[in-house]
Amino acid sequence: MKSLKIVVLFITLSIGYSISAQTVYTTKTGEKYHKNSCRYLKYSKKEIKLDEAKALGYSACKVCKPTANNTKKKSNATSLTSKKENKTTTSKKVVASQCTGKTKAGKRCKRKTKNANGRCYQH
């Protein structure tokens, strides 16, 4: 009986430790926490532990549905690879910006462009 109590206590502690070590992500202005692969983390991503997010009043995202079971534990190897991935993906992204050309009326063109010279197809 005593050994059964020790086993149950050990399992409870190990589950509690694994839940507190889970890493989730929040946005700069949002009120939800997300998994790493959530589409809402496209522009901003702030890493935080699951128990800290809950303590700060964040709630779970309804799209990616992060739980303790489906979020990954944070380790040094994964953090190094994720930082490398973030550097490569951010350097490859091209953000559309407003065209720098002028219209006949002298106003700035309102079209968006991804062209390196900053002008749309018409300018």
PDB file of N, CA and C in Angstrom:
ATOM      1  N   MET A   1       0.817  -1.192   0.000  1.00  0.00           N
ATOM      2  CA  MET A   1       0.000   0.000   0.000  1.00  0.00           C
ATOM      3  C   MET A   1       0.861   1.258   0.000  1.00  0.00           C
ATOM      4  N   LYS A   2       1.920   1.219   0.826  1.00  0.00           N
ATOM      5  CA  LYS A   2       2.797   2.362   0.911  1.00  0.00           C
ATOM      6  C   LYS A   2       3.541   2.580  -0.411  1.00  0.00           C
ATOM      7  N   SER A   3       3.942   1.494  -1.042  1.00  0.00           N
ATOM      8  CA  SER A   3       4.651   1.613  -2.324  1.00  0.00           C
ATOM      9  C   SER A   3       3.717   2.144  -3.411  1.00  0.00           C
ATOM     10  N   LEU A   4       2.438   1.810  -3.335  1.00  0.00           N
ATOM     11  CA  LEU A   4       1.455   2.312  -4.297  1.00  0.00           C
ATOM     12  C   LEU A   4       1.308   3.827  -4.152  1.00  0.00           C
ATOM     13  N   LYS A   5       1.288   4.323  -2.913  1.00  0.00           N
ATOM     14  CA  LYS A   5       1.203   5.760  -2.677  1.00  0.00           C
ATOM     15  C   LYS A   5       2.428   6.480  -3.228  1.00  0.00           C
ATOM     16  N   ILE A   6       3.585   5.884  -3.075  1.00  0.00           N
ATOM     17  CA  ILE A   6       4.815   6.492  -3.586  1.00  0.00           C
ATOM     18  C   ILE A   6       4.790   6.547  -5.108  1.00  0.00           C
ATOM     19  N   VAL A   7       4.318   5.497  -5.745  1.00  0.00           N
ATOM     20  CA  VAL A   7       4.228   5.459  -7.211  1.00  0.00           C
ATOM     21  C   VAL A   7       3.245   6.516  -7.713  1.00  0.00           C
ATOM     22  N   VAL A   8       2.102   6.628  -7.063  1.00  0.00           N
ATOM     23  CA  VAL A   8       1.107   7.630  -7.458  1.00  0.00           C
ATOM     24  C   VAL A   8       1.663   9.040  -7.262  1.00  0.00           C
ATOM     25  N   LEU A   9       2.350   9.270  -6.172  1.00  0.00           N
ATOM     26  CA  LEU A   9       2.960  10.567  -5.917  1.00  0.00           C
ATOM     27  C   LEU A   9       4.013  10.896  -6.981  1.00  0.00           C
ATOM     28  N   PHE A  10       4.832   9.925  -7.333  1.00  0.00           N
ATOM     29  CA  PHE A  10       5.860  10.126  -8.360  1.00  0.00           C
ATOM     30  C   PHE A  10       5.226  10.454  -9.720  1.00  0.00           C
ATOM     31  N   ILE A  11       4.182   9.763 -10.090  1.00  0.00           N
ATOM     32  CA  ILE A  11       3.490  10.017 -11.363  1.00  0.00           C
ATOM     33  C   ILE A  11       2.867  11.407 -11.354  1.00  0.00           C
ATOM     34  N   THR A  12       2.244  11.771 -10.254  1.00  0.00           N
ATOM     35  CA  THR A  12       1.624  13.093 -10.145  1.00  0.00           C
ATOM     36  C   THR A  12       2.665  14.202 -10.276  1.00  0.00           C
ATOM     37  N   LEU A  13       3.790  14.053  -9.616  1.00  0.00           N
ATOM     38  CA  LEU A  13       4.850  15.057  -9.702  1.00  0.00           C
ATOM     39  C   LEU A  13       5.440  15.136 -11.106  1.00  0.00           C
ATOM     40  N   SER A  14       5.623  14.004 -11.751  1.00  0.00           N
ATOM     41  CA  SER A  14       6.201  14.030 -13.097  1.00  0.00           C
ATOM     42  C   SER A  14       5.241  14.657 -14.098  1.00  0.00           C
ATOM     43  N   ILE A  15       3.952  14.418 -13.948  1.00  0.00           N
ATOM     44  CA  ILE A  15       2.963  15.043 -14.840  1.00  0.00           C
ATOM     45  C   ILE A  15       2.912  16.552 -14.575  1.00  0.00           C
ATOM     46  N   GLY A  16       2.942  16.936 -13.326  1.00  0.00           N
ATOM     47  CA  GLY A  16       2.937  18.355 -12.986  1.00  0.00           C
ATOM     48  C   GLY A  16       4.165  19.070 -13.516  1.00  0.00           C
ATOM     49  N   TYR A  17       5.319  18.422 -13.474  1.00  0.00           N
ATOM     50  CA  TYR A  17       6.539  19.039 -14.002  1.00  0.00           C
ATOM     51  C   TYR A  17       6.463  19.169 -15.510  1.00  0.00           C
ATOM     52  N   SER A  18       5.947  18.159 -16.199  1.00  0.00           N
ATOM     53  CA  SER A  18       5.890  18.230 -17.657  1.00  0.00           C
ATOM     54  C   SER A  18       4.897  19.290 -18.122  1.00  0.00           C
ATOM     55  N   ILE A  19       3.840  19.519 -17.381  1.00  0.00           N
ATOM     56  CA  ILE A  19       2.876  20.556 -17.745  1.00  0.00           C
ATOM     57  C   ILE A  19       3.491  21.937 -17.570  1.00  0.00           C
ATOM     58  N   SER A  20       4.232  22.128 -16.506  1.00  0.00           N
ATOM     59  CA  SER A  20       4.804  23.448 -16.258  1.00  0.00           C
ATOM     60  C   SER A  20       5.956  23.769 -17.199  1.00  0.00           C
ATOM     61  N   ALA A  21       6.554  22.767 -17.841  1.00  0.00           N
ATOM     62  CA  ALA A  21       7.685  23.005 -18.723  1.00  0.00           C
ATOM     63  C   ALA A  21       7.262  23.175 -20.177  1.00  0.00           C
ATOM     64  N   GLN A  22       5.983  23.181 -20.458  1.00  0.00           N
ATOM     65  CA  GLN A  22       5.508  23.319 -21.830  1.00  0.00           C
ATOM     66  C   GLN A  22       5.682  24.754 -22.299  1.00  0.00           C
ATOM     67  N   THR A  23       6.052  24.920 -23.559  1.00  0.00           N
ATOM     68  CA  THR A  23       6.259  26.243 -24.123  1.00  0.00           C
ATOM     69  C   THR A  23       5.123  26.574 -25.077  1.00  0.00           C
ATOM     70  N   VAL A  24       4.535  27.726 -24.897  1.00  0.00           N
ATOM     71  CA  VAL A  24       3.503  28.240 -25.794  1.00  0.00           C
ATOM     72  C   VAL A  24       3.941  29.627 -26.246  1.00  0.00           C
ATOM     73  N   TYR A  25       3.195  30.222 -27.147  1.00  0.00           N
ATOM     74  CA  TYR A  25       3.577  31.502 -27.722  1.00  0.00           C
ATOM     75  C   TYR A  25       2.408  32.470 -27.655  1.00  0.00           C
ATOM     76  N   THR A  26       2.734  33.741 -27.450  1.00  0.00           N
ATOM     77  CA  THR A  26       1.721  34.783 -27.438  1.00  0.00           C
ATOM     78  C   THR A  26       2.117  35.844 -28.453  1.00  0.00           C
ATOM     79  N   THR A  27       1.165  36.693 -28.809  1.00  0.00           N
ATOM     80  CA  THR A  27       1.467  37.818 -29.683  1.00  0.00           C
ATOM     81  C   THR A  27       1.689  39.053 -28.822  1.00  0.00           C
ATOM     82  N   LYS A  28       2.159  40.115 -29.427  1.00  0.00           N
ATOM     83  CA  LYS A  28       2.435  41.331 -28.660  1.00  0.00           C
ATOM     84  C   LYS A  28       1.164  41.938 -28.084  1.00  0.00           C
ATOM     85  N   THR A  29       0.077  41.892 -28.832  1.00  0.00           N
ATOM     86  CA  THR A  29      -1.145  42.558 -28.395  1.00  0.00           C
ATOM     87  C   THR A  29      -2.279  41.604 -28.067  1.00  0.00           C
ATOM     88  N   GLY A  30      -2.102  40.312 -28.283  1.00  0.00           N
ATOM     89  CA  GLY A  30      -3.191  39.357 -28.123  1.00  0.00           C
ATOM     90  C   GLY A  30      -3.468  38.960 -26.695  1.00  0.00           C
ATOM     91  N   GLU A  31      -4.566  38.241 -26.511  1.00  0.00           N
ATOM     92  CA  GLU A  31      -4.981  37.767 -25.200  1.00  0.00           C
ATOM     93  C   GLU A  31      -5.030  36.244 -25.153  1.00  0.00           C
ATOM     94  N   LYS A  32      -4.474  35.590 -26.170  1.00  0.00           N
ATOM     95  CA  LYS A  32      -4.503  34.127 -26.268  1.00  0.00           C
ATOM     96  C   LYS A  32      -3.083  33.589 -26.348  1.00  0.00           C
ATOM     97  N   TYR A  33      -2.916  32.295 -26.003  1.00  0.00           N
ATOM     98  CA  TYR A  33      -1.641  31.632 -26.220  1.00  0.00           C
ATOM     99  C   TYR A  33      -1.823  30.577 -27.297  1.00  0.00           C
ATOM    100  N   HIS A  34      -0.737  30.306 -28.038  1.00  0.00           N
ATOM    101  CA  HIS A  34      -0.809  29.494 -29.246  1.00  0.00           C
ATOM    102  C   HIS A  34       0.289  28.445 -29.289  1.00  0.00           C
ATOM    103  N   LYS A  35       0.111  27.446 -30.175  1.00  0.00           N
ATOM    104  CA  LYS A  35       1.173  26.514 -30.507  1.00  0.00           C
ATOM    105  C   LYS A  35       2.127  27.216 -31.473  1.00  0.00           C
ATOM    106  N   ASN A  36       3.315  26.649 -31.651  1.00  0.00           N
ATOM    107  CA  ASN A  36       4.320  27.242 -32.527  1.00  0.00           C
ATOM    108  C   ASN A  36       3.841  27.322 -33.978  1.00  0.00           C
ATOM    109  N   SER A  37       2.990  26.416 -34.399  1.00  0.00           N
ATOM    110  CA  SER A  37       2.565  26.357 -35.795  1.00  0.00           C
ATOM    111  C   SER A  37       1.283  27.144 -36.082  1.00  0.00           C
ATOM    112  N   CYS A  38       0.779  27.898 -35.136  1.00  0.00           N
ATOM    113  CA  CYS A  38      -0.485  28.618 -35.329  1.00  0.00           C
ATOM    114  C   CYS A  38      -0.335  29.753 -36.343  1.00  0.00           C
ATOM    115  N   ARG A  39      -1.358  29.950 -37.159  1.00  0.00           N
ATOM    116  CA  ARG A  39      -1.312  30.980 -38.200  1.00  0.00           C
ATOM    117  C   ARG A  39      -1.357  32.391 -37.629  1.00  0.00           C
ATOM    118  N   TYR A  40      -1.821  32.563 -36.417  1.00  0.00           N
ATOM    119  CA  TYR A  40      -1.893  33.889 -35.821  1.00  0.00           C
ATOM    120  C   TYR A  40      -0.536  34.401 -35.341  1.00  0.00           C
ATOM    121  N   LEU A  41       0.477  33.560 -35.381  1.00  0.00           N
ATOM    122  CA  LEU A  41       1.815  33.973 -34.973  1.00  0.00           C
ATOM    123  C   LEU A  41       2.655  34.425 -36.164  1.00  0.00           C
ATOM    124  N   LYS A  42       2.013  34.787 -37.235  1.00  0.00           N
ATOM    125  CA  LYS A  42       2.723  35.131 -38.470  1.00  0.00           C
ATOM    126  C   LYS A  42       3.603  36.362 -38.293  1.00  0.00           C
ATOM    127  N   TYR A  43       3.141  37.373 -37.584  1.00  0.00           N
ATOM    128  CA  TYR A  43       3.864  38.631 -37.503  1.00  0.00           C
ATOM    129  C   TYR A  43       4.561  38.864 -36.171  1.00  0.00           C
ATOM    130  N   SER A  44       4.050  38.332 -35.095  1.00  0.00           N
ATOM    131  CA  SER A  44       4.738  38.503 -33.814  1.00  0.00           C
ATOM    132  C   SER A  44       4.615  37.216 -33.012  1.00  0.00           C
ATOM    133  N   LYS A  45       5.688  36.899 -32.299  1.00  0.00           N
ATOM    134  CA  LYS A  45       5.720  35.661 -31.526  1.00  0.00           C
ATOM    135  C   LYS A  45       6.567  35.896 -30.286  1.00  0.00           C
ATOM    136  N   LYS A  46       5.973  35.641 -29.112  1.00  0.00           N
ATOM    137  CA  LYS A  46       6.682  35.792 -27.853  1.00  0.00           C
ATOM    138  C   LYS A  46       6.573  34.470 -27.104  1.00  0.00           C
ATOM    139  N   GLU A  47       7.705  33.903 -26.758  1.00  0.00           N
ATOM    140  CA  GLU A  47       7.738  32.605 -26.093  1.00  0.00           C
ATOM    141  C   GLU A  47       7.450  32.761 -24.601  1.00  0.00           C
ATOM    142  N   ILE A  48       6.628  31.839 -24.063  1.00  0.00           N
ATOM    143  CA  ILE A  48       6.271  31.882 -22.652  1.00  0.00           C
ATOM    144  C   ILE A  48       5.889  30.461 -22.221  1.00  0.00           C
ATOM    145  N   LYS A  49       6.078  30.148 -20.953  1.00  0.00           N
ATOM    146  CA  LYS A  49       5.684  28.832 -20.447  1.00  0.00           C
ATOM    147  C   LYS A  49       4.178  28.787 -20.257  1.00  0.00           C
ATOM    148  N   LEU A  50       3.621  27.596 -20.375  1.00  0.00           N
ATOM    149  CA  LEU A  50       2.176  27.413 -20.314  1.00  0.00           C
ATOM    150  C   LEU A  50       1.600  27.873 -18.981  1.00  0.00           C
ATOM    151  N   ASP A  51       2.236  27.510 -17.879  1.00  0.00           N
ATOM    152  CA  ASP A  51       1.700  27.908 -16.576  1.00  0.00           C
ATOM    153  C   ASP A  51       1.792  29.417 -16.355  1.00  0.00           C
ATOM    154  N   GLU A  52       2.834  30.064 -16.913  1.00  0.00           N
ATOM    155  CA  GLU A  52       2.941  31.518 -16.806  1.00  0.00           C
ATOM    156  C   GLU A  52       1.848  32.204 -17.619  1.00  0.00           C
ATOM    157  N   ALA A  53       1.569  31.656 -18.808  1.00  0.00           N
ATOM    158  CA  ALA A  53       0.526  32.235 -19.664  1.00  0.00           C
ATOM    159  C   ALA A  53      -0.831  32.173 -18.977  1.00  0.00           C
ATOM    160  N   LYS A  54      -1.121  31.044 -18.354  1.00  0.00           N
ATOM    161  CA  LYS A  54      -2.390  30.908 -17.644  1.00  0.00           C
ATOM    162  C   LYS A  54      -2.448  31.847 -16.442  1.00  0.00           C
ATOM    163  N   ALA A  55      -1.317  32.007 -15.752  1.00  0.00           N
ATOM    164  CA  ALA A  55      -1.279  32.890 -14.588  1.00  0.00           C
ATOM    165  C   ALA A  55      -1.465  34.359 -14.986  1.00  0.00           C
ATOM    166  N   LEU A  56      -0.992  34.724 -16.177  1.00  0.00           N
ATOM    167  CA  LEU A  56      -1.137  36.098 -16.649  1.00  0.00           C
ATOM    168  C   LEU A  56      -2.511  36.380 -17.247  1.00  0.00           C
ATOM    169  N   GLY A  57      -3.361  35.372 -17.313  1.00  0.00           N
ATOM    170  CA  GLY A  57      -4.723  35.582 -17.785  1.00  0.00           C
ATOM    171  C   GLY A  57      -4.936  35.284 -19.264  1.00  0.00           C
ATOM    172  N   TYR A  58      -3.931  34.719 -19.941  1.00  0.00           N
ATOM    173  CA  TYR A  58      -4.110  34.344 -21.343  1.00  0.00           C
ATOM    174  C   TYR A  58      -5.012  33.119 -21.417  1.00  0.00           C
ATOM    175  N   SER A  59      -5.775  33.030 -22.486  1.00  0.00           N
ATOM    176  CA  SER A  59      -6.612  31.850 -22.709  1.00  0.00           C
ATOM    177  C   SER A  59      -6.133  31.141 -23.970  1.00  0.00           C
ATOM    178  N   ALA A  60      -6.567  29.910 -24.158  1.00  0.00           N
ATOM    179  CA  ALA A  60      -6.116  29.097 -25.288  1.00  0.00           C
ATOM    180  C   ALA A  60      -6.742  29.572 -26.595  1.00  0.00           C
ATOM    181  N   CYS A  61      -5.966  29.499 -27.665  1.00  0.00           N
ATOM    182  CA  CYS A  61      -6.447  29.852 -29.002  1.00  0.00           C
ATOM    183  C   CYS A  61      -7.457  28.806 -29.457  1.00  0.00           C
ATOM    184  N   LYS A  62      -8.533  29.244 -30.083  1.00  0.00           N
ATOM    185  CA  LYS A  62      -9.559  28.310 -30.540  1.00  0.00           C
ATOM    186  C   LYS A  62      -9.206  27.682 -31.881  1.00  0.00           C
ATOM    187  N   VAL A  63      -8.204  28.216 -32.574  1.00  0.00           N
ATOM    188  CA  VAL A  63      -7.803  27.674 -33.873  1.00  0.00           C
ATOM    189  C   VAL A  63      -6.805  26.534 -33.700  1.00  0.00           C
ATOM    190  N   CYS A  64      -5.696  26.785 -32.986  1.00  0.00           N
ATOM    191  CA  CYS A  64      -4.662  25.750 -32.846  1.00  0.00           C
ATOM    192  C   CYS A  64      -4.869  24.860 -31.621  1.00  0.00           C
ATOM    193  N   LYS A  65      -5.697  25.273 -30.689  1.00  0.00           N
ATOM    194  CA  LYS A  65      -6.055  24.507 -29.484  1.00  0.00           C
ATOM    195  C   LYS A  65      -4.842  23.948 -28.736  1.00  0.00           C
ATOM    196  N   PRO A  66      -3.989  24.821 -28.193  1.00  0.00           N
ATOM    197  CA  PRO A  66      -2.812  24.327 -27.475  1.00  0.00           C
ATOM    198  C   PRO A  66      -3.182  23.739 -26.124  1.00  0.00           C
ATOM    199  N   THR A  67      -2.670  22.565 -25.850  1.00  0.00           N
ATOM    200  CA  THR A  67      -2.835  21.924 -24.548  1.00  0.00           C
ATOM    201  C   THR A  67      -1.472  21.441 -24.092  1.00  0.00           C
ATOM    202  N   ALA A  68      -1.405  20.944 -22.894  1.00  0.00           N
ATOM    203  CA  ALA A  68      -0.136  20.429 -22.375  1.00  0.00           C
ATOM    204  C   ALA A  68       0.319  19.209 -23.173  1.00  0.00           C
ATOM    205  N   ASN A  69      -0.616  18.485 -23.755  1.00  0.00           N
ATOM    206  CA  ASN A  69      -0.256  17.271 -24.499  1.00  0.00           C
ATOM    207  C   ASN A  69       0.302  17.572 -25.879  1.00  0.00           C
ATOM    208  N   ASN A  70      -0.167  18.639 -26.535  1.00  0.00           N
ATOM    209  CA  ASN A  70       0.269  18.861 -27.908  1.00  0.00           C
ATOM    210  C   ASN A  70       1.251  20.020 -28.074  1.00  0.00           C
ATOM    211  N   THR A  71       1.738  20.602 -26.991  1.00  0.00           N
ATOM    212  CA  THR A  71       2.804  21.602 -27.087  1.00  0.00           C
ATOM    213  C   THR A  71       4.105  20.933 -26.697  1.00  0.00           C
ATOM    214  N   LYS A  72       5.184  21.362 -27.309  1.00  0.00           N
ATOM    215  CA  LYS A  72       6.472  20.723 -27.095  1.00  0.00           C
ATOM    216  C   LYS A  72       7.194  21.316 -25.906  1.00  0.00           C
ATOM    217  N   LYS A  73       7.998  20.480 -25.270  1.00  0.00           N
ATOM    218  CA  LYS A  73       8.856  20.971 -24.199  1.00  0.00           C
ATOM    219  C   LYS A  73       9.984  21.753 -24.824  1.00  0.00           C
ATOM    220  N   LYS A  74      10.456  22.754 -24.135  1.00  0.00           N
ATOM    221  CA  LYS A  74      11.547  23.593 -24.617  1.00  0.00           C
ATOM    222  C   LYS A  74      12.866  22.932 -24.258  1.00  0.00           C
ATOM    223  N   SER A  75      13.735  22.730 -25.245  1.00  0.00           N
ATOM    224  CA  SER A  75      15.072  22.219 -24.989  1.00  0.00           C
ATOM    225  C   SER A  75      16.074  23.055 -25.749  1.00  0.00           C
ATOM    226  N   ASN A  76      17.336  22.939 -25.404  1.00  0.00           N
ATOM    227  CA  ASN A  76      18.367  23.751 -26.045  1.00  0.00           C
ATOM    228  C   ASN A  76      18.494  23.433 -27.523  1.00  0.00           C
ATOM    229  N   ALA A  77      18.398  22.164 -27.893  1.00  0.00           N
ATOM    230  CA  ALA A  77      18.540  21.788 -29.293  1.00  0.00           C
ATOM    231  C   ALA A  77      17.407  22.376 -30.132  1.00  0.00           C
ATOM    232  N   THR A  78      16.181  22.315 -29.626  1.00  0.00           N
ATOM    233  CA  THR A  78      15.070  22.863 -30.400  1.00  0.00           C
ATOM    234  C   THR A  78      15.116  24.370 -30.444  1.00  0.00           C
ATOM    235  N   SER A  79      15.611  25.010 -29.391  1.00  0.00           N
ATOM    236  CA  SER A  79      15.673  26.470 -29.409  1.00  0.00           C
ATOM    237  C   SER A  79      16.701  26.957 -30.418  1.00  0.00           C
ATOM    238  N   LEU A  80      17.812  26.241 -30.550  1.00  0.00           N
ATOM    239  CA  LEU A  80      18.813  26.642 -31.526  1.00  0.00           C
ATOM    240  C   LEU A  80      18.308  26.468 -32.943  1.00  0.00           C
ATOM    241  N   THR A  81      17.619  25.353 -33.207  1.00  0.00           N
ATOM    242  CA  THR A  81      17.113  25.138 -34.560  1.00  0.00           C
ATOM    243  C   THR A  81      15.986  26.095 -34.874  1.00  0.00           C
ATOM    244  N   SER A  82      15.136  26.405 -33.906  1.00  0.00           N
ATOM    245  CA  SER A  82      14.044  27.337 -34.185  1.00  0.00           C
ATOM    246  C   SER A  82      14.577  28.738 -34.438  1.00  0.00           C
ATOM    247  N   LYS A  83      15.650  29.144 -33.757  1.00  0.00           N
ATOM    248  CA  LYS A  83      16.238  30.451 -34.021  1.00  0.00           C
ATOM    249  C   LYS A  83      16.834  30.500 -35.421  1.00  0.00           C
ATOM    250  N   LYS A  84      17.459  29.392 -35.846  1.00  0.00           N
ATOM    251  CA  LYS A  84      18.014  29.348 -37.199  1.00  0.00           C
ATOM    252  C   LYS A  84      16.898  29.408 -38.230  1.00  0.00           C
ATOM    253  N   GLU A  85      15.813  28.685 -37.980  1.00  0.00           N
ATOM    254  CA  GLU A  85      14.682  28.697 -38.901  1.00  0.00           C
ATOM    255  C   GLU A  85      14.072  30.083 -38.992  1.00  0.00           C
ATOM    256  N   ASN A  86      13.932  30.774 -37.865  1.00  0.00           N
ATOM    257  CA  ASN A  86      13.359  32.115 -37.870  1.00  0.00           C
ATOM    258  C   ASN A  86      14.219  33.076 -38.675  1.00  0.00           C
ATOM    259  N   LYS A  87      15.541  32.956 -38.574  1.00  0.00           N
ATOM    260  CA  LYS A  87      16.416  33.834 -39.327  1.00  0.00           C
ATOM    261  C   LYS A  87      16.269  33.599 -40.822  1.00  0.00           C
ATOM    262  N   THR A  88      16.193  32.336 -41.230  1.00  0.00           N
ATOM    263  CA  THR A  88      16.088  32.054 -42.656  1.00  0.00           C
ATOM    264  C   THR A  88      14.725  32.432 -43.201  1.00  0.00           C
ATOM    265  N   THR A  89      13.669  32.218 -42.444  1.00  0.00           N
ATOM    266  CA  THR A  89      12.342  32.543 -42.949  1.00  0.00           C
ATOM    267  C   THR A  89      12.117  34.037 -42.998  1.00  0.00           C
ATOM    268  N   THR A  90      12.658  34.776 -42.047  1.00  0.00           N
ATOM    269  CA  THR A  90      12.452  36.217 -42.081  1.00  0.00           C
ATOM    270  C   THR A  90      13.250  36.870 -43.190  1.00  0.00           C
ATOM    271  N   SER A  91      14.395  36.298 -43.529  1.00  0.00           N
ATOM    272  CA  SER A  91      15.179  36.896 -44.602  1.00  0.00           C
ATOM    273  C   SER A  91      14.563  36.605 -45.966  1.00  0.00           C
ATOM    274  N   LYS A  92      13.810  35.522 -46.103  1.00  0.00           N
ATOM    275  CA  LYS A  92      13.192  35.165 -47.374  1.00  0.00           C
ATOM    276  C   LYS A  92      11.857  35.867 -47.604  1.00  0.00           C
ATOM    277  N   LYS A  93      11.234  36.354 -46.563  1.00  0.00           N
ATOM    278  CA  LYS A  93       9.934  36.995 -46.700  1.00  0.00           C
ATOM    279  C   LYS A  93      10.071  38.345 -47.384  1.00  0.00           C
ATOM    280  N   VAL A  94       9.196  38.597 -48.322  1.00  0.00           N
ATOM    281  CA  VAL A  94       9.151  39.887 -48.985  1.00  0.00           C
ATOM    282  C   VAL A  94       7.822  40.516 -48.611  1.00  0.00           C
ATOM    283  N   VAL A  95       7.875  41.682 -48.032  1.00  0.00           N
ATOM    284  CA  VAL A  95       6.674  42.354 -47.572  1.00  0.00           C
ATOM    285  C   VAL A  95       6.259  43.391 -48.601  1.00  0.00           C
ATOM    286  N   ALA A  96       4.984  43.400 -48.928  1.00  0.00           N
ATOM    287  CA  ALA A  96       4.475  44.384 -49.875  1.00  0.00           C
ATOM    288  C   ALA A  96       4.451  45.759 -49.220  1.00  0.00           C
ATOM    289  N   SER A  97       4.828  46.759 -49.996  1.00  0.00           N
ATOM    290  CA  SER A  97       4.799  48.124 -49.494  1.00  0.00           C
ATOM    291  C   SER A  97       4.123  49.016 -50.526  1.00  0.00           C
ATOM    292  N   GLN A  98       3.795  50.205 -50.108  1.00  0.00           N
ATOM    293  CA  GLN A  98       3.112  51.133 -51.000  1.00  0.00           C
ATOM    294  C   GLN A  98       4.080  51.614 -52.071  1.00  0.00           C
ATOM    295  N   CYS A  99       3.583  51.726 -53.278  1.00  0.00           N
ATOM    296  CA  CYS A  99       4.373  52.187 -54.415  1.00  0.00           C
ATOM    297  C   CYS A  99       4.899  53.605 -54.156  1.00  0.00           C
ATOM    298  N   THR A 100       6.127  53.858 -54.592  1.00  0.00           N
ATOM    299  CA  THR A 100       6.723  55.184 -54.381  1.00  0.00           C
ATOM    300  C   THR A 100       6.483  56.123 -55.562  1.00  0.00           C
ATOM    301  N   GLY A 101       5.806  55.644 -56.597  1.00  0.00           N
ATOM    302  CA  GLY A 101       5.537  56.459 -57.777  1.00  0.00           C
ATOM    303  C   GLY A 101       4.489  57.527 -57.530  1.00  0.00           C
ATOM    304  N   LYS A 102       4.437  58.535 -58.440  1.00  0.00           N
ATOM    305  CA  LYS A 102       3.471  59.635 -58.352  1.00  0.00           C
ATOM    306  C   LYS A 102       2.453  59.518 -59.478  1.00  0.00           C
ATOM    307  N   THR A 103       1.221  59.893 -59.197  1.00  0.00           N
ATOM    308  CA  THR A 103       0.166  59.904 -60.208  1.00  0.00           C
ATOM    309  C   THR A 103       0.241  61.216 -60.999  1.00  0.00           C
ATOM    310  N   LYS A 104      -0.605  61.319 -62.022  1.00  0.00           N
ATOM    311  CA  LYS A 104      -0.636  62.553 -62.814  1.00  0.00           C
ATOM    312  C   LYS A 104      -1.035  63.758 -61.968  1.00  0.00           C
ATOM    313  N   ALA A 105      -1.868  63.516 -60.965  1.00  0.00           N
ATOM    314  CA  ALA A 105      -2.312  64.603 -60.083  1.00  0.00           C
ATOM    315  C   ALA A 105      -1.230  64.998 -59.073  1.00  0.00           C
ATOM    316  N   GLY A 106      -0.126  64.263 -59.044  1.00  0.00           N
ATOM    317  CA  GLY A 106       0.960  64.595 -58.126  1.00  0.00           C
ATOM    318  C   GLY A 106       0.870  63.888 -56.786  1.00  0.00           C
ATOM    319  N   LYS A 107      -0.120  63.021 -56.615  1.00  0.00           N
ATOM    320  CA  LYS A 107      -0.269  62.281 -55.362  1.00  0.00           C
ATOM    321  C   LYS A 107       0.497  60.962 -55.453  1.00  0.00           C
ATOM    322  N   ARG A 108       0.769  60.394 -54.311  1.00  0.00           N
ATOM    323  CA  ARG A 108       1.479  59.119 -54.261  1.00  0.00           C
ATOM    324  C   ARG A 108       0.549  57.982 -54.678  1.00  0.00           C
ATOM    325  N   CYS A 109       1.076  57.045 -55.458  1.00  0.00           N
ATOM    326  CA  CYS A 109       0.305  55.882 -55.913  1.00  0.00           C
ATOM    327  C   CYS A 109      -0.131  55.045 -54.715  1.00  0.00           C
ATOM    328  N   LYS A 110      -1.340  54.484 -54.762  1.00  0.00           N
ATOM    329  CA  LYS A 110      -1.888  53.726 -53.640  1.00  0.00           C
ATOM    330  C   LYS A 110      -1.706  52.228 -53.790  1.00  0.00           C
ATOM    331  N   ARG A 111      -1.139  51.763 -54.902  1.00  0.00           N
ATOM    332  CA  ARG A 111      -0.951  50.325 -55.109  1.00  0.00           C
ATOM    333  C   ARG A 111       0.158  49.782 -54.212  1.00  0.00           C
ATOM    334  N   LYS A 112       0.086  48.482 -53.950  1.00  0.00           N
ATOM    335  CA  LYS A 112       1.115  47.788 -53.180  1.00  0.00           C
ATOM    336  C   LYS A 112       2.050  47.081 -54.149  1.00  0.00           C
ATOM    337  N   THR A 113       3.323  46.948 -53.761  1.00  0.00           N
ATOM    338  CA  THR A 113       4.300  46.267 -54.602  1.00  0.00           C
ATOM    339  C   THR A 113       5.290  45.489 -53.749  1.00  0.00           C
ATOM    340  N   LYS A 114       5.790  44.403 -54.313  1.00  0.00           N
ATOM    341  CA  LYS A 114       6.858  43.624 -53.689  1.00  0.00           C
ATOM    342  C   LYS A 114       8.156  43.796 -54.476  1.00  0.00           C
ATOM    343  N   ASN A 115       8.116  44.635 -55.470  1.00  0.00           N
ATOM    344  CA  ASN A 115       9.270  44.876 -56.318  1.00  0.00           C
ATOM    345  C   ASN A 115      10.384  45.541 -55.507  1.00  0.00           C
ATOM    346  N   ALA A 116      11.628  45.190 -55.801  1.00  0.00           N
ATOM    347  CA  ALA A 116      12.772  45.697 -55.041  1.00  0.00           C
ATOM    348  C   ALA A 116      12.964  47.202 -55.213  1.00  0.00           C
ATOM    349  N   ASN A 117      12.560  47.748 -56.363  1.00  0.00           N
ATOM    350  CA  ASN A 117      12.760  49.179 -56.580  1.00  0.00           C
ATOM    351  C   ASN A 117      11.653  50.030 -55.957  1.00  0.00           C
ATOM    352  N   GLY A 118      10.623  49.401 -55.361  1.00  0.00           N
ATOM    353  CA  GLY A 118       9.580  50.124 -54.645  1.00  0.00           C
ATOM    354  C   GLY A 118       8.483  50.696 -55.513  1.00  0.00           C
ATOM    355  N   ARG A 119       8.444  50.311 -56.780  1.00  0.00           N
ATOM    356  CA  ARG A 119       7.401  50.832 -57.689  1.00  0.00           C
ATOM    357  C   ARG A 119       6.520  49.702 -58.182  1.00  0.00           C
ATOM    358  N   CYS A 120       5.257  50.021 -58.431  1.00  0.00           N
ATOM    359  CA  CYS A 120       4.300  49.013 -58.911  1.00  0.00           C
ATOM    360  C   CYS A 120       4.480  48.786 -60.406  1.00  0.00           C
ATOM    361  N   TYR A 121       3.656  47.905 -60.970  1.00  0.00           N
ATOM    362  CA  TYR A 121       3.780  47.556 -62.393  1.00  0.00           C
ATOM    363  C   TYR A 121       3.534  48.747 -63.301  1.00  0.00           C
ATOM    364  N   GLN A 122       2.812  49.743 -62.869  1.00  0.00           N
ATOM    365  CA  GLN A 122       2.453  50.865 -63.710  1.00  0.00           C
ATOM    366  C   GLN A 122       3.513  51.976 -63.676  1.00  0.00           C
ATOM    367  N   HIS A 123       4.316  52.024 -62.669  1.00  0.00           N
ATOM    368  CA  HIS A 123       5.322  53.075 -62.554  1.00  0.00           C
ATOM    369  C   HIS A 123       6.664  52.462 -62.801  1.00  0.00           C
TER     370      HIS A 123
END
